[in-house]
């Protein structure tokens, strides 16, 4: 599991908004941050940035049903916080 600073560094590389960076820095643990996030748009955006093209279409398909897409549905489909820090980074 990456440290919060590793996550922040990667998010900065991905050019996320300052509000999201501030939110992540409120936590000591990346999984805890993921588990408590209430911003479905942030979660979906990050997943789309980090996943394979086929998974990207699954995520955008989920988002196309706005009335059913919520934080719970994202967490149900992706219960683990996205892993995007390569070993040694």
PDB file of N, CA and C in Angstrom:
ATOM      1  N   UNK A   1       0.857  -1.179   0.000  1.00  0.00           N
ATOM      2  CA  UNK A   1       0.000   0.000   0.000  1.00  0.00           C
ATOM      3  C   UNK A   1       0.904   1.244   0.000  1.00  0.00           C
ATOM      4  N   UNK A   2       0.653   2.175  -0.899  1.00  0.00           N
ATOM      5  CA  UNK A   2       1.483   3.376  -0.948  1.00  0.00           C
ATOM      6  C   UNK A   2       1.222   4.286   0.248  1.00  0.00           C
ATOM      7  N   UNK A   3       2.214   5.097   0.542  1.00  0.00           N
ATOM      8  CA  UNK A   3       2.026   6.110   1.586  1.00  0.00           C
ATOM      9  C   UNK A   3       1.152   7.229   1.013  1.00  0.00           C
ATOM     10  N   UNK A   4       0.619   8.042   1.910  1.00  0.00           N
ATOM     11  CA  UNK A   4      -0.203   9.171   1.461  1.00  0.00           C
ATOM     12  C   UNK A   4       0.632  10.121   0.605  1.00  0.00           C
ATOM     13  N   UNK A   5       1.872  10.334   0.957  1.00  0.00           N
ATOM     14  CA  UNK A   5       2.702  11.242   0.151  1.00  0.00           C
ATOM     15  C   UNK A   5       2.977  10.672  -1.235  1.00  0.00           C
ATOM     16  N   UNK A   6       3.117   9.359  -1.352  1.00  0.00           N
ATOM     17  CA  UNK A   6       3.264   8.745  -2.676  1.00  0.00           C
ATOM     18  C   UNK A   6       1.989   8.948  -3.496  1.00  0.00           C
ATOM     19  N   UNK A   7       0.852   8.794  -2.841  1.00  0.00           N
ATOM     20  CA  UNK A   7      -0.430   9.000  -3.518  1.00  0.00           C
ATOM     21  C   UNK A   7      -0.542  10.459  -3.968  1.00  0.00           C
ATOM     22  N   UNK A   8      -0.222  11.380  -3.061  1.00  0.00           N
ATOM     23  CA  UNK A   8      -0.297  12.805  -3.400  1.00  0.00           C
ATOM     24  C   UNK A   8       0.619  13.123  -4.578  1.00  0.00           C
ATOM     25  N   UNK A   9       1.839  12.612  -4.555  1.00  0.00           N
ATOM     26  CA  UNK A   9       2.771  12.858  -5.668  1.00  0.00           C
ATOM     27  C   UNK A   9       2.181  12.375  -6.988  1.00  0.00           C
ATOM     28  N   UNK A  10       1.591  11.186  -6.980  1.00  0.00           N
ATOM     29  CA  UNK A  10       0.995  10.642  -8.203  1.00  0.00           C
ATOM     30  C   UNK A  10      -0.210  11.472  -8.631  1.00  0.00           C
ATOM     31  N   UNK A  11      -1.026  11.898  -7.694  1.00  0.00           N
ATOM     32  CA  UNK A  11      -2.192  12.714  -8.028  1.00  0.00           C
ATOM     33  C   UNK A  11      -1.778  14.060  -8.610  1.00  0.00           C
ATOM     34  N   UNK A  12      -0.704  14.616  -8.095  1.00  0.00           N
ATOM     35  CA  UNK A  12      -0.179  15.863  -8.655  1.00  0.00           C
ATOM     36  C   UNK A  12       0.254  15.639 -10.100  1.00  0.00           C
ATOM     37  N   UNK A  13       0.914  14.512 -10.364  1.00  0.00           N
ATOM     38  CA  UNK A  13       1.305  14.175 -11.741  1.00  0.00           C
ATOM     39  C   UNK A  13       0.077  14.060 -12.646  1.00  0.00           C
ATOM     40  N   UNK A  14      -1.018  13.563 -12.101  1.00  0.00           N
ATOM     41  CA  UNK A  14      -2.258  13.410 -12.867  1.00  0.00           C
ATOM     42  C   UNK A  14      -3.041  14.724 -12.958  1.00  0.00           C
ATOM     43  N   UNK A  15      -2.536  15.753 -12.294  1.00  0.00           N
ATOM     44  CA  UNK A  15      -3.124  17.102 -12.315  1.00  0.00           C
ATOM     45  C   UNK A  15      -4.535  17.158 -11.729  1.00  0.00           C
ATOM     46  N   UNK A  16      -4.683  16.529 -10.579  1.00  0.00           N
ATOM     47  CA  UNK A  16      -5.983  16.610  -9.909  1.00  0.00           C
ATOM     48  C   UNK A  16      -6.144  17.991  -9.291  1.00  0.00           C
ATOM     49  N   UNK A  17      -7.365  18.315  -8.929  1.00  0.00           N
ATOM     50  CA  UNK A  17      -7.640  19.636  -8.358  1.00  0.00           C
ATOM     51  C   UNK A  17      -7.050  19.746  -6.949  1.00  0.00           C
ATOM     52  N   UNK A  18      -6.714  20.973  -6.531  1.00  0.00           N
ATOM     53  CA  UNK A  18      -6.157  21.177  -5.185  1.00  0.00           C
ATOM     54  C   UNK A  18      -7.082  20.686  -4.069  1.00  0.00           C
ATOM     55  N   UNK A  19      -8.381  20.777  -4.289  1.00  0.00           N
ATOM     56  CA  UNK A  19      -9.331  20.302  -3.278  1.00  0.00           C
ATOM     57  C   UNK A  19      -9.164  18.808  -3.028  1.00  0.00           C
ATOM     58  N   UNK A  20      -8.954  18.042  -4.086  1.00  0.00           N
ATOM     59  CA  UNK A  20      -8.764  16.596  -3.939  1.00  0.00           C
ATOM     60  C   UNK A  20      -7.462  16.290  -3.214  1.00  0.00           C
ATOM     61  N   UNK A  21      -6.412  17.037  -3.526  1.00  0.00           N
ATOM     62  CA  UNK A  21      -5.123  16.852  -2.834  1.00  0.00           C
ATOM     63  C   UNK A  21      -5.304  17.112  -1.337  1.00  0.00           C
ATOM     64  N   UNK A  22      -5.995  18.186  -1.008  1.00  0.00           N
ATOM     65  CA  UNK A  22      -6.254  18.499   0.402  1.00  0.00           C
ATOM     66  C   UNK A  22      -7.036  17.402   1.094  1.00  0.00           C
ATOM     67  N   UNK A  23      -8.009  16.848   0.397  1.00  0.00           N
ATOM     68  CA  UNK A  23      -8.810  15.768   0.962  1.00  0.00           C
ATOM     69  C   UNK A  23      -7.930  14.560   1.268  1.00  0.00           C
ATOM     70  N   UNK A  24      -7.110  14.152   0.324  1.00  0.00           N
ATOM     71  CA  UNK A  24      -6.243  12.978   0.514  1.00  0.00           C
ATOM     72  C   UNK A  24      -5.309  13.196   1.698  1.00  0.00           C
ATOM     73  N   UNK A  25      -4.809  14.397   1.851  1.00  0.00           N
ATOM     74  CA  UNK A  25      -3.870  14.684   2.950  1.00  0.00           C
ATOM     75  C   UNK A  25      -4.518  14.638   4.328  1.00  0.00           C
ATOM     76  N   UNK A  26      -5.830  14.554   4.384  1.00  0.00           N
ATOM     77  CA  UNK A  26      -6.525  14.436   5.673  1.00  0.00           C
ATOM     78  C   UNK A  26      -6.387  13.033   6.267  1.00  0.00           C
ATOM     79  N   UNK A  27      -5.884  12.094   5.487  1.00  0.00           N
ATOM     80  CA  UNK A  27      -5.829  10.694   5.913  1.00  0.00           C
ATOM     81  C   UNK A  27      -4.390  10.208   6.052  1.00  0.00           C
ATOM     82  N   UNK A  28      -4.233   9.182   6.898  1.00  0.00           N
ATOM     83  CA  UNK A  28      -2.927   8.540   7.073  1.00  0.00           C
ATOM     84  C   UNK A  28      -2.787   7.310   6.195  1.00  0.00           C
ATOM     85  N   UNK A  29      -3.913   6.833   5.642  1.00  0.00           N
ATOM     86  CA  UNK A  29      -3.935   5.567   4.927  1.00  0.00           C
ATOM     87  C   UNK A  29      -4.757   5.720   3.647  1.00  0.00           C
ATOM     88  N   UNK A  30      -4.211   5.265   2.527  1.00  0.00           N
ATOM     89  CA  UNK A  30      -4.863   5.397   1.229  1.00  0.00           C
ATOM     90  C   UNK A  30      -6.178   4.613   1.170  1.00  0.00           C
ATOM     91  N   UNK A  31      -6.208   3.409   1.718  1.00  0.00           N
ATOM     92  CA  UNK A  31      -7.447   2.632   1.704  1.00  0.00           C
ATOM     93  C   UNK A  31      -8.539   3.343   2.497  1.00  0.00           C
ATOM     94  N   UNK A  32      -8.173   3.899   3.624  1.00  0.00           N
ATOM     95  CA  UNK A  32      -9.135   4.635   4.444  1.00  0.00           C
ATOM     96  C   UNK A  32      -9.675   5.851   3.675  1.00  0.00           C
ATOM     97  N   UNK A  33      -8.803   6.523   2.963  1.00  0.00           N
ATOM     98  CA  UNK A  33      -9.202   7.658   2.142  1.00  0.00           C
ATOM     99  C   UNK A  33     -10.220   7.214   1.099  1.00  0.00           C
ATOM    100  N   UNK A  34      -9.928   6.122   0.411  1.00  0.00           N
ATOM    101  CA  UNK A  34     -10.834   5.576  -0.611  1.00  0.00           C
ATOM    102  C   UNK A  34     -12.173   5.185   0.016  1.00  0.00           C
ATOM    103  N   UNK A  35     -12.106   4.503   1.162  1.00  0.00           N
ATOM    104  CA  UNK A  35     -13.321   4.015   1.817  1.00  0.00           C
ATOM    105  C   UNK A  35     -14.239   5.138   2.275  1.00  0.00           C
ATOM    106  N   UNK A  36     -13.678   6.275   2.608  1.00  0.00           N
ATOM    107  CA  UNK A  36     -14.484   7.374   3.152  1.00  0.00           C
ATOM    108  C   UNK A  36     -14.850   8.443   2.124  1.00  0.00           C
ATOM    109  N   UNK A  37     -14.339   8.338   0.926  1.00  0.00           N
ATOM    110  CA  UNK A  37     -14.632   9.340  -0.090  1.00  0.00           C
ATOM    111  C   UNK A  37     -16.114   9.330  -0.445  1.00  0.00           C
ATOM    112  N   UNK A  38     -16.697  10.503  -0.529  1.00  0.00           N
ATOM    113  CA  UNK A  38     -18.112  10.640  -0.896  1.00  0.00           C
ATOM    114  C   UNK A  38     -18.279  11.319  -2.250  1.00  0.00           C
ATOM    115  N   UNK A  39     -17.186  11.520  -2.976  1.00  0.00           N
ATOM    116  CA  UNK A  39     -17.234  12.196  -4.273  1.00  0.00           C
ATOM    117  C   UNK A  39     -17.126  11.171  -5.396  1.00  0.00           C
ATOM    118  N   UNK A  40     -18.266  10.722  -5.890  1.00  0.00           N
ATOM    119  CA  UNK A  40     -18.273   9.691  -6.932  1.00  0.00           C
ATOM    120  C   UNK A  40     -17.523  10.158  -8.168  1.00  0.00           C
ATOM    121  N   UNK A  41     -17.590  11.431  -8.472  1.00  0.00           N
ATOM    122  CA  UNK A  41     -16.890  11.937  -9.654  1.00  0.00           C
ATOM    123  C   UNK A  41     -15.383  11.822  -9.493  1.00  0.00           C
ATOM    124  N   UNK A  42     -14.872  12.074  -8.304  1.00  0.00           N
ATOM    125  CA  UNK A  42     -13.431  11.930  -8.063  1.00  0.00           C
ATOM    126  C   UNK A  42     -13.022  10.471  -8.222  1.00  0.00           C
ATOM    127  N   UNK A  43     -13.788   9.591  -7.608  1.00  0.00           N
ATOM    128  CA  UNK A  43     -13.454   8.166  -7.640  1.00  0.00           C
ATOM    129  C   UNK A  43     -13.469   7.638  -9.076  1.00  0.00           C
ATOM    130  N   UNK A  44     -14.524   7.976  -9.804  1.00  0.00           N
ATOM    131  CA  UNK A  44     -14.645   7.506 -11.182  1.00  0.00           C
ATOM    132  C   UNK A  44     -13.551   8.087 -12.065  1.00  0.00           C
ATOM    133  N   UNK A  45     -13.242   9.359 -11.893  1.00  0.00           N
ATOM    134  CA  UNK A  45     -12.184   9.999 -12.682  1.00  0.00           C
ATOM    135  C   UNK A  45     -10.856   9.283 -12.452  1.00  0.00           C
ATOM    136  N   UNK A  46     -10.543   9.029 -11.196  1.00  0.00           N
ATOM    137  CA  UNK A  46      -9.281   8.371 -10.879  1.00  0.00           C
ATOM    138  C   UNK A  46      -9.242   6.963 -11.460  1.00  0.00           C
ATOM    139  N   UNK A  47     -10.323   6.231 -11.315  1.00  0.00           N
ATOM    140  CA  UNK A  47     -10.365   4.889 -11.886  1.00  0.00           C
ATOM    141  C   UNK A  47     -10.170   4.930 -13.399  1.00  0.00           C
ATOM    142  N   UNK A  48     -10.801   5.887 -14.049  1.00  0.00           N
ATOM    143  CA  UNK A  48     -10.650   6.002 -15.503  1.00  0.00           C
ATOM    144  C   UNK A  48      -9.221   6.322 -15.897  1.00  0.00           C
ATOM    145  N   UNK A  49      -8.540   7.106 -15.103  1.00  0.00           N
ATOM    146  CA  UNK A  49      -7.146   7.446 -15.388  1.00  0.00           C
ATOM    147  C   UNK A  49      -6.207   6.264 -15.202  1.00  0.00           C
ATOM    148  N   UNK A  50      -6.566   5.344 -14.310  1.00  0.00           N
ATOM    149  CA  UNK A  50      -5.633   4.301 -13.894  1.00  0.00           C
ATOM    150  C   UNK A  50      -5.920   2.924 -14.451  1.00  0.00           C
ATOM    151  N   UNK A  51      -7.069   2.725 -15.021  1.00  0.00           N
ATOM    152  CA  UNK A  51      -7.463   1.395 -15.458  1.00  0.00           C
ATOM    153  C   UNK A  51      -7.191   1.175 -16.942  1.00  0.00           C
ATOM    154  N   UNK A  52      -7.309  -0.083 -17.338  1.00  0.00           N
ATOM    155  CA  UNK A  52      -7.136  -0.447 -18.744  1.00  0.00           C
ATOM    156  C   UNK A  52      -8.309   0.101 -19.558  1.00  0.00           C
ATOM    157  N   UNK A  53      -8.139   0.207 -20.887  1.00  0.00           N
ATOM    158  CA  UNK A  53      -9.233   0.722 -21.715  1.00  0.00           C
ATOM    159  C   UNK A  53     -10.547  -0.043 -21.558  1.00  0.00           C
ATOM    160  N   UNK A  54     -10.499  -1.364 -21.430  1.00  0.00           N
ATOM    161  CA  UNK A  54     -11.753  -2.121 -21.282  1.00  0.00           C
ATOM    162  C   UNK A  54     -12.431  -1.778 -19.956  1.00  0.00           C
ATOM    163  N   UNK A  55     -11.641  -1.624 -18.910  1.00  0.00           N
ATOM    164  CA  UNK A  55     -12.217  -1.237 -17.623  1.00  0.00           C
ATOM    165  C   UNK A  55     -12.748   0.190 -17.688  1.00  0.00           C
ATOM    166  N   UNK A  56     -12.065   1.037 -18.453  1.00  0.00           N
ATOM    167  CA  UNK A  56     -12.523   2.415 -18.607  1.00  0.00           C
ATOM    168  C   UNK A  56     -13.953   2.429 -19.140  1.00  0.00           C
ATOM    169  N   UNK A  57     -14.230   1.604 -20.144  1.00  0.00           N
ATOM    170  CA  UNK A  57     -15.579   1.572 -20.701  1.00  0.00           C
ATOM    171  C   UNK A  57     -16.584   1.027 -19.703  1.00  0.00           C
ATOM    172  N   UNK A  58     -16.179   0.084 -18.870  1.00  0.00           N
ATOM    173  CA  UNK A  58     -17.066  -0.401 -17.809  1.00  0.00           C
ATOM    174  C   UNK A  58     -17.428   0.732 -16.851  1.00  0.00           C
ATOM    175  N   UNK A  59     -16.435   1.539 -16.489  1.00  0.00           N
ATOM    176  CA  UNK A  59     -16.650   2.631 -15.541  1.00  0.00           C
ATOM    177  C   UNK A  59     -17.530   3.704 -16.162  1.00  0.00           C
ATOM    178  N   UNK A  60     -17.227   4.103 -17.403  1.00  0.00           N
ATOM    179  CA  UNK A  60     -18.040   5.139 -18.032  1.00  0.00           C
ATOM    180  C   UNK A  60     -19.458   4.635 -18.285  1.00  0.00           C
ATOM    181  N   UNK A  61     -19.595   3.339 -18.541  1.00  0.00           N
ATOM    182  CA  UNK A  61     -20.930   2.764 -18.672  1.00  0.00           C
ATOM    183  C   UNK A  61     -21.703   2.878 -17.378  1.00  0.00           C
ATOM    184  N   UNK A  62     -21.023   2.624 -16.292  1.00  0.00           N
ATOM    185  CA  UNK A  62     -21.636   2.760 -14.970  1.00  0.00           C
ATOM    186  C   UNK A  62     -22.069   4.208 -14.743  1.00  0.00           C
ATOM    187  N   UNK A  63     -21.217   5.136 -15.142  1.00  0.00           N
ATOM    188  CA  UNK A  63     -21.523   6.552 -14.939  1.00  0.00           C
ATOM    189  C   UNK A  63     -22.647   7.044 -15.838  1.00  0.00           C
ATOM    190  N   UNK A  64     -22.873   6.373 -16.954  1.00  0.00           N
ATOM    191  CA  UNK A  64     -23.926   6.823 -17.859  1.00  0.00           C
ATOM    192  C   UNK A  64     -25.309   6.614 -17.247  1.00  0.00           C
ATOM    193  N   UNK A  65     -25.381   5.820 -16.200  1.00  0.00           N
ATOM    194  CA  UNK A  65     -26.638   5.602 -15.480  1.00  0.00           C
ATOM    195  C   UNK A  65     -26.587   6.410 -14.187  1.00  0.00           C
ATOM    196  N   UNK A  66     -26.620   7.739 -14.342  1.00  0.00           N
ATOM    197  CA  UNK A  66     -26.399   8.629 -13.199  1.00  0.00           C
ATOM    198  C   UNK A  66     -27.325   8.349 -12.030  1.00  0.00           C
ATOM    199  N   UNK A  67     -28.553   7.934 -12.314  1.00  0.00           N
ATOM    200  CA  UNK A  67     -29.488   7.705 -11.215  1.00  0.00           C
ATOM    201  C   UNK A  67     -29.088   6.499 -10.367  1.00  0.00           C
ATOM    202  N   UNK A  68     -28.266   5.596 -10.908  1.00  0.00           N
ATOM    203  CA  UNK A  68     -27.839   4.439 -10.127  1.00  0.00           C
ATOM    204  C   UNK A  68     -26.377   4.522  -9.722  1.00  0.00           C
ATOM    205  N   UNK A  69     -25.626   5.409 -10.355  1.00  0.00           N
ATOM    206  CA  UNK A  69     -24.198   5.511 -10.033  1.00  0.00           C
ATOM    207  C   UNK A  69     -24.023   6.402  -8.824  1.00  0.00           C
ATOM    208  N   UNK A  70     -23.474   5.836  -7.787  1.00  0.00           N
ATOM    209  CA  UNK A  70     -23.185   6.594  -6.583  1.00  0.00           C
ATOM    210  C   UNK A  70     -21.917   6.022  -5.964  1.00  0.00           C
ATOM    211  N   UNK A  71     -21.523   6.590  -4.871  1.00  0.00           N
ATOM    212  CA  UNK A  71     -20.306   6.132  -4.212  1.00  0.00           C
ATOM    213  C   UNK A  71     -20.396   4.652  -3.883  1.00  0.00           C
ATOM    214  N   UNK A  72     -21.539   4.209  -3.438  1.00  0.00           N
ATOM    215  CA  UNK A  72     -21.704   2.800  -3.086  1.00  0.00           C
ATOM    216  C   UNK A  72     -21.459   1.897  -4.292  1.00  0.00           C
ATOM    217  N   UNK A  73     -22.002   2.278  -5.457  1.00  0.00           N
ATOM    218  CA  UNK A  73     -21.819   1.426  -6.633  1.00  0.00           C
ATOM    219  C   UNK A  73     -20.370   1.404  -7.086  1.00  0.00           C
ATOM    220  N   UNK A  74     -19.665   2.514  -6.960  1.00  0.00           N
ATOM    221  CA  UNK A  74     -18.230   2.534  -7.291  1.00  0.00           C
ATOM    222  C   UNK A  74     -17.473   1.632  -6.328  1.00  0.00           C
ATOM    223  N   UNK A  75     -17.740   1.769  -5.018  1.00  0.00           N
ATOM    224  CA  UNK A  75     -17.035   0.949  -4.031  1.00  0.00           C
ATOM    225  C   UNK A  75     -17.359  -0.530  -4.182  1.00  0.00           C
ATOM    226  N   UNK A  76     -18.594  -0.832  -4.570  1.00  0.00           N
ATOM    227  CA  UNK A  76     -18.981  -2.221  -4.754  1.00  0.00           C
ATOM    228  C   UNK A  76     -18.202  -2.825  -5.923  1.00  0.00           C
ATOM    229  N   UNK A  77     -18.055  -2.062  -6.995  1.00  0.00           N
ATOM    230  CA  UNK A  77     -17.321  -2.551  -8.162  1.00  0.00           C
ATOM    231  C   UNK A  77     -15.814  -2.560  -7.926  1.00  0.00           C
ATOM    232  N   UNK A  78     -15.322  -1.610  -7.139  1.00  0.00           N
ATOM    233  CA  UNK A  78     -13.878  -1.459  -6.886  1.00  0.00           C
ATOM    234  C   UNK A  78     -13.648  -1.251  -5.385  1.00  0.00           C
ATOM    235  N   UNK A  79     -13.752  -2.322  -4.588  1.00  0.00           N
ATOM    236  CA  UNK A  79     -13.639  -2.164  -3.136  1.00  0.00           C
ATOM    237  C   UNK A  79     -12.244  -1.772  -2.667  1.00  0.00           C
ATOM    238  N   UNK A  80     -11.225  -2.148  -3.423  1.00  0.00           N
ATOM    239  CA  UNK A  80      -9.860  -1.799  -3.028  1.00  0.00           C
ATOM    240  C   UNK A  80      -9.481  -0.461  -3.625  1.00  0.00           C
ATOM    241  N   UNK A  81      -8.781   0.324  -2.852  1.00  0.00           N
ATOM    242  CA  UNK A  81      -8.273   1.590  -3.371  1.00  0.00           C
ATOM    243  C   UNK A  81      -7.387   1.294  -4.571  1.00  0.00           C
ATOM    244  N   UNK A  82      -7.498   2.085  -5.627  1.00  0.00           N
ATOM    245  CA  UNK A  82      -6.687   1.820  -6.813  1.00  0.00           C
ATOM    246  C   UNK A  82      -5.198   1.819  -6.497  1.00  0.00           C
ATOM    247  N   UNK A  83      -4.525   0.844  -7.013  1.00  0.00           N
ATOM    248  CA  UNK A  83      -3.079   0.750  -6.817  1.00  0.00           C
ATOM    249  C   UNK A  83      -2.393   1.280  -8.062  1.00  0.00           C
ATOM    250  N   UNK A  84      -1.690   2.381  -7.921  1.00  0.00           N
ATOM    251  CA  UNK A  84      -1.035   2.965  -9.073  1.00  0.00           C
ATOM    252  C   UNK A  84       0.404   3.336  -8.792  1.00  0.00           C
ATOM    253  N   UNK A  85       0.907   2.932  -7.653  1.00  0.00           N
ATOM    254  CA  UNK A  85       2.311   3.178  -7.321  1.00  0.00           C
ATOM    255  C   UNK A  85       3.071   1.895  -7.623  1.00  0.00           C
ATOM    256  N   UNK A  86       3.999   1.975  -8.536  1.00  0.00           N
ATOM    257  CA  UNK A  86       4.798   0.803  -8.881  1.00  0.00           C
ATOM    258  C   UNK A  86       5.796   0.516  -7.781  1.00  0.00           C
ATOM    259  N   UNK A  87       6.150  -0.757  -7.618  1.00  0.00           N
ATOM    260  CA  UNK A  87       7.155  -1.110  -6.619  1.00  0.00           C
ATOM    261  C   UNK A  87       8.412  -0.309  -6.870  1.00  0.00           C
ATOM    262  N   UNK A  88       8.975   0.198  -5.805  1.00  0.00           N
ATOM    263  CA  UNK A  88      10.211   0.959  -5.914  1.00  0.00           C
ATOM    264  C   UNK A  88      10.006   2.449  -6.098  1.00  0.00           C
ATOM    265  N   UNK A  89       8.747   2.889  -6.331  1.00  0.00           N
ATOM    266  CA  UNK A  89       8.484   4.319  -6.494  1.00  0.00           C
ATOM    267  C   UNK A  89       8.386   4.972  -5.149  1.00  0.00           C
TER     268      UNK A  89
END
